Amino acid sequence: MIPYKSELTKEKLQLLKIGFLELREGSLYAVIGDLLGLIGLVEIVAVLGFPFDLNQGETLLEASASALLIGAAIALVGIIISLVGLIRWKNGGRYFREFDPINFSSAETGPALMLWSTLLVVFTLVVFIAGVLALSWGVVVTSLVIALVASILVLIGAILFGVFLLKIKDLQLLYGLSMPDFTIDAVLWFLGLVFQVLYLVAEILIYIHAGEALTAIIIKEKEIAGQES
């Protein structure tokens, strides 16, 4: 027999159910937000990819500034939507941590770190927009440097969240609860640290697998209810 760490009760299953529900809903917001953020980032990079000549016509400079503003605005909307997703992940992580504080604490710590560092990114985007409006390229560059620091913090949080995804399989070993395999989700999530677009694929899979996990928990709840009756 598998030496389960703890017996699953209705109360503990309820913690997992809320955790996976928040994980699933947060993934939906993450997909939408990341799509918009990626679109905005592509536009910003496209504009900044061309060398600026301060001696070129004022009309051309204003056109470039307008394009940067549009890209930054789209990215900002995407980040705000992603923030909602991170809040849902963080809230869900609290229930995972309460369920098993030793194995699943990173479920809350990772999204929390990503949340606060993303807020810093939002701040730098506001500074970025202000710099573009004032045609102050020094402020623009400074905001990009701050965004780089915030990105490092996001990276640490993302790694912790990926670790949590890998540990979901332990629910089978430690508690005998059949769960979908989140390993591929975690692998794609980690690869997304290098290839950003893979984050989207990982988030879609997390959404799907979290839904399957909820179904498994509901089935387990019925089994426990049947044993108690």
C-alpha atoms as a PDB file:
ATOM      1  CA  MET A   1       0.000   0.000   0.000  1.00  0.00           C
ATOM      2  CA  ILE A   2       1.075   3.588  -0.615  1.00  0.00           C
ATOM      3  CA  PRO A   3       1.995   5.277   2.701  1.00  0.00           C
ATOM      4  CA  TYR A   4      -0.231   8.311   2.340  1.00  0.00           C
ATOM      5  CA  LYS A   5       0.924  11.310   4.318  1.00  0.00           C
ATOM      6  CA  SER A   6      -2.593  12.203   5.360  1.00  0.00           C
ATOM      7  CA  GLU A   7      -6.123  11.029   4.915  1.00  0.00           C
ATOM      8  CA  LEU A   8      -8.213  13.163   2.625  1.00  0.00           C
ATOM      9  CA  THR A   9     -11.214  14.695   4.352  1.00  0.00           C
ATOM     10  CA  LYS A  10     -14.036  16.758   2.907  1.00  0.00           C
ATOM     11  CA  GLU A  11     -12.457  19.837   4.486  1.00  0.00           C
ATOM     12  CA  LYS A  12      -9.062  19.190   2.885  1.00  0.00           C
ATOM     13  CA  LEU A  13     -10.660  18.418  -0.458  1.00  0.00           C
ATOM     14  CA  GLN A  14     -12.525  21.719  -0.240  1.00  0.00           C
ATOM     15  CA  LEU A  15      -9.191  23.522   0.112  1.00  0.00           C
ATOM     16  CA  LEU A  16      -7.912  21.789  -3.007  1.00  0.00           C
ATOM     17  CA  LYS A  17     -11.112  22.493  -4.904  1.00  0.00           C
ATOM     18  CA  ILE A  18     -10.914  26.235  -4.231  1.00  0.00           C
ATOM     19  CA  GLY A  19      -7.191  26.193  -5.018  1.00  0.00           C
ATOM     20  CA  PHE A  20      -7.667  24.548  -8.413  1.00  0.00           C
ATOM     21  CA  LEU A  21     -10.678  26.747  -9.173  1.00  0.00           C
ATOM     22  CA  GLU A  22      -8.579  29.874  -8.595  1.00  0.00           C
ATOM     23  CA  LEU A  23      -5.715  28.320 -10.579  1.00  0.00           C
ATOM     24  CA  ARG A  24      -8.068  27.680 -13.500  1.00  0.00           C
ATOM     25  CA  GLU A  25      -9.698  31.105 -13.493  1.00  0.00           C
ATOM     26  CA  GLY A  26      -6.352  32.823 -13.064  1.00  0.00           C
ATOM     27  CA  SER A  27      -5.007  30.984 -16.095  1.00  0.00           C
ATOM     28  CA  LEU A  28      -7.804  32.362 -18.260  1.00  0.00           C
ATOM     29  CA  TYR A  29      -6.949  35.934 -17.270  1.00  0.00           C
ATOM     30  CA  ALA A  30      -3.258  35.165 -17.772  1.00  0.00           C
ATOM     31  CA  VAL A  31      -3.813  33.991 -21.350  1.00  0.00           C
ATOM     32  CA  ILE A  32      -5.801  37.092 -22.307  1.00  0.00           C
ATOM     33  CA  GLY A  33      -3.400  39.445 -20.548  1.00  0.00           C
ATOM     34  CA  ASP A  34      -0.265  37.879 -21.997  1.00  0.00           C
ATOM     35  CA  LEU A  35      -1.692  38.001 -25.513  1.00  0.00           C
ATOM     36  CA  LEU A  36      -2.328  41.734 -25.220  1.00  0.00           C
ATOM     37  CA  GLY A  37       1.014  42.302 -23.525  1.00  0.00           C
ATOM     38  CA  LEU A  38       2.823  40.465 -26.294  1.00  0.00           C
ATOM     39  CA  ILE A  39       1.075  42.526 -28.962  1.00  0.00           C
ATOM     40  CA  GLY A  40       2.012  45.766 -27.211  1.00  0.00           C
ATOM     41  CA  LEU A  41       5.601  44.669 -26.682  1.00  0.00           C
ATOM     42  CA  VAL A  42       6.016  43.743 -30.348  1.00  0.00           C
ATOM     43  CA  GLU A  43       4.868  47.208 -31.366  1.00  0.00           C
ATOM     44  CA  ILE A  44       7.243  48.911 -28.920  1.00  0.00           C
ATOM     45  CA  VAL A  45      10.192  46.811 -30.065  1.00  0.00           C
ATOM     46  CA  ALA A  46       9.301  47.470 -33.698  1.00  0.00           C
ATOM     47  CA  VAL A  47       9.474  51.226 -33.127  1.00  0.00           C
ATOM     48  CA  LEU A  48      12.567  51.181 -30.931  1.00  0.00           C
ATOM     49  CA  GLY A  49      14.252  48.865 -33.410  1.00  0.00           C
ATOM     50  CA  PHE A  50      14.705  51.728 -35.806  1.00  0.00           C
ATOM     51  CA  PRO A  51      17.520  54.188 -34.993  1.00  0.00           C
ATOM     52  CA  PHE A  52      16.334  57.593 -33.853  1.00  0.00           C
ATOM     53  CA  ASP A  53      17.776  60.749 -35.347  1.00  0.00           C
ATOM     54  CA  LEU A  54      16.826  63.760 -33.242  1.00  0.00           C
ATOM     55  CA  ASN A  55      17.463  65.933 -36.301  1.00  0.00           C
ATOM     56  CA  GLN A  56      14.748  64.237 -38.295  1.00  0.00           C
ATOM     57  CA  GLY A  57      11.451  66.000 -38.827  1.00  0.00           C
ATOM     58  CA  GLU A  58       9.193  66.776 -35.883  1.00  0.00           C
ATOM     59  CA  THR A  59       6.295  65.026 -37.607  1.00  0.00           C
ATOM     60  CA  LEU A  60       8.234  61.774 -37.850  1.00  0.00           C
ATOM     61  CA  LEU A  61       9.280  61.994 -34.194  1.00  0.00           C
ATOM     62  CA  GLU A  62       5.676  62.566 -33.132  1.00  0.00           C
ATOM     63  CA  ALA A  63       4.535  59.618 -35.263  1.00  0.00           C
ATOM     64  CA  SER A  64       7.115  57.393 -33.578  1.00  0.00           C
ATOM     65  CA  ALA A  65       6.019  58.669 -30.174  1.00  0.00           C
ATOM     66  CA  SER A  66       2.367  57.928 -31.022  1.00  0.00           C
ATOM     67  CA  ALA A  67       3.242  54.379 -32.077  1.00  0.00           C
ATOM     68  CA  LEU A  68       5.149  53.884 -28.824  1.00  0.00           C
ATOM     69  CA  LEU A  69       2.177  55.191 -26.854  1.00  0.00           C
ATOM     70  CA  ILE A  70      -0.225  52.805 -28.562  1.00  0.00           C
ATOM     71  CA  GLY A  71       2.089  49.853 -27.937  1.00  0.00           C
ATOM     72  CA  ALA A  72       2.603  50.849 -24.308  1.00  0.00           C
ATOM     73  CA  ALA A  73      -1.150  51.315 -23.790  1.00  0.00           C
ATOM     74  CA  ILE A  74      -1.930  47.857 -25.184  1.00  0.00           C
ATOM     75  CA  ALA A  75       0.808  46.333 -23.039  1.00  0.00           C
ATOM     76  CA  LEU A  76      -0.522  48.182 -19.997  1.00  0.00           C
ATOM     77  CA  VAL A  77      -4.042  46.812 -20.505  1.00  0.00           C
ATOM     78  CA  GLY A  78      -2.577  43.331 -20.910  1.00  0.00           C
ATOM     79  CA  ILE A  79      -0.552  43.682 -17.722  1.00  0.00           C
ATOM     80  CA  ILE A  80      -3.596  44.845 -15.762  1.00  0.00           C
ATOM     81  CA  ILE A  81      -5.562  41.792 -16.934  1.00  0.00           C
ATOM     82  CA  SER A  82      -2.575  39.581 -16.085  1.00  0.00           C
ATOM     83  CA  LEU A  83      -2.549  41.149 -12.615  1.00  0.00           C
ATOM     84  CA  VAL A  84      -6.075  39.860 -12.086  1.00  0.00           C
ATOM     85  CA  GLY A  85      -4.840  36.404 -13.065  1.00  0.00           C
ATOM     86  CA  LEU A  86      -1.905  36.642 -10.645  1.00  0.00           C
ATOM     87  CA  ILE A  87      -4.258  37.716  -7.860  1.00  0.00           C
ATOM     88  CA  ARG A  88      -6.399  34.648  -8.540  1.00  0.00           C
ATOM     89  CA  TRP A  89      -3.291  32.417  -8.583  1.00  0.00           C
ATOM     90  CA  LYS A  90      -2.057  33.986  -5.345  1.00  0.00           C
ATOM     91  CA  ASN A  91      -5.433  33.513  -3.682  1.00  0.00           C
ATOM     92  CA  GLY A  92      -5.579  29.913  -4.867  1.00  0.00           C
ATOM     93  CA  GLY A  93      -2.022  29.384  -3.680  1.00  0.00           C
ATOM     94  CA  ARG A  94      -3.093  30.319  -0.179  1.00  0.00           C
ATOM     95  CA  TYR A  95      -5.472  27.343  -0.164  1.00  0.00           C
ATOM     96  CA  PHE A  96      -2.797  25.007  -1.534  1.00  0.00           C
ATOM     97  CA  ARG A  97      -0.425  26.206   1.190  1.00  0.00           C
ATOM     98  CA  GLU A  98      -3.096  25.667   3.832  1.00  0.00           C
ATOM     99  CA  PHE A  99      -3.683  22.181   2.442  1.00  0.00           C
ATOM    100  CA  ASP A 100       0.038  21.284   2.670  1.00  0.00           C
ATOM    101  CA  PRO A 101       2.355  24.110   3.850  1.00  0.00           C
ATOM    102  CA  ILE A 102       5.497  22.028   3.385  1.00  0.00           C
ATOM    103  CA  ASN A 103       5.010  20.943  -0.221  1.00  0.00           C
ATOM    104  CA  PHE A 104       2.828  23.700  -1.658  1.00  0.00           C
ATOM    105  CA  SER A 105       4.010  26.971  -0.119  1.00  0.00           C
ATOM    106  CA  SER A 106       5.478  27.997  -3.490  1.00  0.00           C
ATOM    107  CA  ALA A 107       1.931  27.978  -4.885  1.00  0.00           C
ATOM    108  CA  GLU A 108       1.394  31.262  -3.047  1.00  0.00           C
ATOM    109  CA  THR A 109       4.943  32.646  -2.883  1.00  0.00           C
ATOM    110  CA  GLY A 110       5.564  32.424  -6.633  1.00  0.00           C
ATOM    111  CA  PRO A 111       2.439  34.294  -7.782  1.00  0.00           C
ATOM    112  CA  ALA A 112       2.828  36.814  -4.945  1.00  0.00           C
ATOM    113  CA  LEU A 113       6.338  37.694  -6.086  1.00  0.00           C
ATOM    114  CA  MET A 114       5.200  37.879  -9.705  1.00  0.00           C
ATOM    115  CA  LEU A 115       2.297  40.094  -8.642  1.00  0.00           C
ATOM    116  CA  TRP A 116       4.340  42.694  -6.780  1.00  0.00           C
ATOM    117  CA  SER A 117       7.097  42.825  -9.393  1.00  0.00           C
ATOM    118  CA  THR A 118       4.492  43.159 -12.148  1.00  0.00           C
ATOM    119  CA  LEU A 119       3.081  46.147 -10.289  1.00  0.00           C
ATOM    120  CA  LEU A 120       6.564  47.614 -10.523  1.00  0.00           C
ATOM    121  CA  VAL A 121       6.470  46.996 -14.267  1.00  0.00           C
ATOM    122  CA  VAL A 122       3.154  48.866 -14.432  1.00  0.00           C
ATOM    123  CA  PHE A 123       4.783  51.795 -12.658  1.00  0.00           C
ATOM    124  CA  THR A 124       7.676  51.832 -15.096  1.00  0.00           C
ATOM    125  CA  LEU A 125       5.244  51.755 -18.027  1.00  0.00           C
ATOM    126  CA  VAL A 126       3.529  54.832 -16.617  1.00  0.00           C
ATOM    127  CA  VAL A 127       6.947  56.515 -16.371  1.00  0.00           C
ATOM    128  CA  PHE A 128       7.685  55.291 -19.897  1.00  0.00           C
ATOM    129  CA  ILE A 129       4.497  56.867 -21.231  1.00  0.00           C
ATOM    130  CA  ALA A 130       5.259  60.129 -19.416  1.00  0.00           C
ATOM    131  CA  GLY A 131       8.750  60.152 -20.912  1.00  0.00           C
ATOM    132  CA  VAL A 132       7.420  59.584 -24.409  1.00  0.00           C
ATOM    133  CA  LEU A 133       4.837  62.372 -24.020  1.00  0.00           C
ATOM    134  CA  ALA A 134       7.592  64.734 -22.933  1.00  0.00           C
ATOM    135  CA  LEU A 135       9.905  63.401 -25.673  1.00  0.00           C
ATOM    136  CA  SER A 136      12.417  62.782 -22.874  1.00  0.00           C
ATOM    137  CA  TRP A 137      14.374  59.777 -24.090  1.00  0.00           C
ATOM    138  CA  GLY A 138      16.463  59.758 -20.910  1.00  0.00           C
ATOM    139  CA  VAL A 139      13.353  59.044 -18.852  1.00  0.00           C
ATOM    140  CA  VAL A 140      12.343  56.370 -21.360  1.00  0.00           C
ATOM    141  CA  VAL A 141      15.702  54.602 -21.003  1.00  0.00           C
ATOM    142  CA  THR A 142      15.580  54.888 -17.188  1.00  0.00           C
ATOM    143  CA  SER A 143      12.132  53.314 -17.095  1.00  0.00           C
ATOM    144  CA  LEU A 144      13.382  50.437 -19.219  1.00  0.00           C
ATOM    145  CA  VAL A 145      16.230  49.821 -16.752  1.00  0.00           C
ATOM    146  CA  ILE A 146      13.791  49.709 -13.834  1.00  0.00           C
ATOM    147  CA  ALA A 147      11.625  47.327 -15.837  1.00  0.00           C
ATOM    148  CA  LEU A 148      14.658  45.056 -16.229  1.00  0.00           C
ATOM    149  CA  VAL A 149      15.078  44.843 -12.450  1.00  0.00           C
ATOM    150  CA  ALA A 150      11.371  44.094 -12.051  1.00  0.00           C
ATOM    151  CA  SER A 151      11.677  41.392 -14.698  1.00  0.00           C
ATOM    152  CA  ILE A 152      14.332  39.625 -12.628  1.00  0.00           C
ATOM    153  CA  LEU A 153      11.911  39.504  -9.697  1.00  0.00           C
ATOM    154  CA  VAL A 154       9.196  38.191 -12.011  1.00  0.00           C
ATOM    155  CA  LEU A 155      11.652  35.492 -13.106  1.00  0.00           C
ATOM    156  CA  ILE A 156      12.207  34.309  -9.528  1.00  0.00           C
ATOM    157  CA  GLY A 157       8.464  34.183  -8.894  1.00  0.00           C
ATOM    158  CA  ALA A 158       7.889  32.319 -12.148  1.00  0.00           C
ATOM    159  CA  ILE A 159      10.455  29.692 -11.177  1.00  0.00           C
ATOM    160  CA  LEU A 160       8.721  29.150  -7.833  1.00  0.00           C
ATOM    161  CA  PHE A 161       5.372  28.805  -9.588  1.00  0.00           C
ATOM    162  CA  GLY A 162       6.869  26.243 -11.966  1.00  0.00           C
ATOM    163  CA  VAL A 163       8.142  24.265  -8.970  1.00  0.00           C
ATOM    164  CA  PHE A 164       4.602  24.217  -7.610  1.00  0.00           C
ATOM    165  CA  LEU A 165       3.287  22.841 -10.906  1.00  0.00           C
ATOM    166  CA  LEU A 166       5.841  20.034 -10.740  1.00  0.00           C
ATOM    167  CA  LYS A 167       4.770  19.152  -7.201  1.00  0.00           C
ATOM    168  CA  ILE A 168       1.108  18.693  -8.064  1.00  0.00           C
ATOM    169  CA  LYS A 169       1.916  15.099  -9.013  1.00  0.00           C
ATOM    170  CA  ASP A 170       2.773  14.506  -5.338  1.00  0.00           C
ATOM    171  CA  LEU A 171      -0.951  14.563  -4.580  1.00  0.00           C
ATOM    172  CA  GLN A 172      -1.030  11.022  -5.973  1.00  0.00           C
ATOM    173  CA  LEU A 173       1.961   9.812  -3.964  1.00  0.00           C
ATOM    174  CA  LEU A 174       1.181  11.551  -0.676  1.00  0.00           C
ATOM    175  CA  TYR A 175      -2.606  11.517  -0.668  1.00  0.00           C
ATOM    176  CA  GLY A 176      -3.646   8.901  -3.226  1.00  0.00           C
ATOM    177  CA  LEU A 177      -5.562  11.504  -5.206  1.00  0.00           C
ATOM    178  CA  SER A 178      -5.617  10.923  -8.961  1.00  0.00           C
ATOM    179  CA  MET A 179      -4.587  14.095 -10.746  1.00  0.00           C
ATOM    180  CA  PRO A 180      -3.863  15.114 -14.356  1.00  0.00           C
ATOM    181  CA  ASP A 181      -0.165  15.393 -15.144  1.00  0.00           C
ATOM    182  CA  PHE A 182       1.008  19.012 -14.856  1.00  0.00           C
ATOM    183  CA  THR A 183       4.585  18.084 -15.761  1.00  0.00           C
ATOM    184  CA  ILE A 184       4.296  19.231 -19.377  1.00  0.00           C
ATOM    185  CA  ASP A 185       2.703  22.451 -18.111  1.00  0.00           C
ATOM    186  CA  ALA A 186       5.712  23.023 -15.863  1.00  0.00           C
ATOM    187  CA  VAL A 187       8.218  22.203 -18.610  1.00  0.00           C
ATOM    188  CA  LEU A 188       6.571  24.638 -21.020  1.00  0.00           C
ATOM    189  CA  TRP A 189       6.350  27.196 -18.227  1.00  0.00           C
ATOM    190  CA  PHE A 190      10.094  26.958 -17.599  1.00  0.00           C
ATOM    191  CA  LEU A 191      10.813  27.100 -21.336  1.00  0.00           C
ATOM    192  CA  GLY A 192       8.650  30.210 -21.402  1.00  0.00           C
ATOM    193  CA  LEU A 193      11.347  31.900 -19.331  1.00  0.00           C
ATOM    194  CA  VAL A 194      13.363  31.902 -22.558  1.00  0.00           C
ATOM    195  CA  PHE A 195      10.671  31.698 -25.238  1.00  0.00           C
ATOM    196  CA  GLN A 196       7.898  33.997 -24.010  1.00  0.00           C
ATOM    197  CA  VAL A 197       5.255  32.618 -26.336  1.00  0.00           C
ATOM    198  CA  LEU A 198       5.434  29.228 -24.571  1.00  0.00           C
ATOM    199  CA  TYR A 199       3.953  30.884 -21.484  1.00  0.00           C
ATOM    200  CA  LEU A 200       0.706  31.099 -23.417  1.00  0.00           C
ATOM    201  CA  VAL A 201       0.760  27.396 -24.242  1.00  0.00           C
ATOM    202  CA  ALA A 202       1.558  26.537 -20.617  1.00  0.00           C
ATOM    203  CA  GLU A 203      -1.256  28.762 -19.324  1.00  0.00           C
ATOM    204  CA  ILE A 204      -3.749  27.134 -21.695  1.00  0.00           C
ATOM    205  CA  LEU A 205      -2.678  23.685 -20.488  1.00  0.00           C
ATOM    206  CA  ILE A 206      -2.884  24.798 -16.856  1.00  0.00           C
ATOM    207  CA  TYR A 207      -6.446  25.977 -17.512  1.00  0.00           C
ATOM    208  CA  ILE A 208      -7.356  22.616 -19.044  1.00  0.00           C
ATOM    209  CA  HIS A 209      -5.633  20.464 -16.422  1.00  0.00           C
ATOM    210  CA  ALA A 210      -6.971  22.513 -13.518  1.00  0.00           C
ATOM    211  CA  GLY A 211     -10.462  21.801 -14.846  1.00  0.00           C
ATOM    212  CA  GLU A 212      -9.658  18.078 -14.978  1.00  0.00           C
ATOM    213  CA  ALA A 213      -8.315  18.282 -11.424  1.00  0.00           C
ATOM    214  CA  LEU A 214     -11.579  19.829 -10.257  1.00  0.00           C
ATOM    215  CA  THR A 215     -13.468  16.930 -11.832  1.00  0.00           C
ATOM    216  CA  ALA A 216     -11.198  14.424 -10.034  1.00  0.00           C
ATOM    217  CA  ILE A 217     -11.790  16.181  -6.712  1.00  0.00           C
ATOM    218  CA  ILE A 218     -15.567  16.136  -7.192  1.00  0.00           C
ATOM    219  CA  ILE A 219     -15.414  12.388  -7.889  1.00  0.00           C
ATOM    220  CA  LYS A 220     -13.312  11.878  -4.733  1.00  0.00           C
ATOM    221  CA  GLU A 221     -15.804  13.914  -2.705  1.00  0.00           C
ATOM    222  CA  LYS A 222     -18.603  11.623  -3.868  1.00  0.00           C
ATOM    223  CA  GLU A 223     -16.529   8.571  -2.899  1.00  0.00           C
ATOM    224  CA  ILE A 224     -15.969   9.942   0.593  1.00  0.00           C
ATOM    225  CA  ALA A 225     -19.642  10.841   0.933  1.00  0.00           C
ATOM    226  CA  GLY A 226     -20.571   7.304  -0.134  1.00  0.00           C
ATOM    227  CA  GLN A 227     -18.223   5.781   2.458  1.00  0.00           C
ATOM    228  CA  GLU A 228     -19.703   7.936   5.209  1.00  0.00           C
ATOM    229  CA  SER A 229     -23.314   7.103   4.327  1.00  0.00           C
END
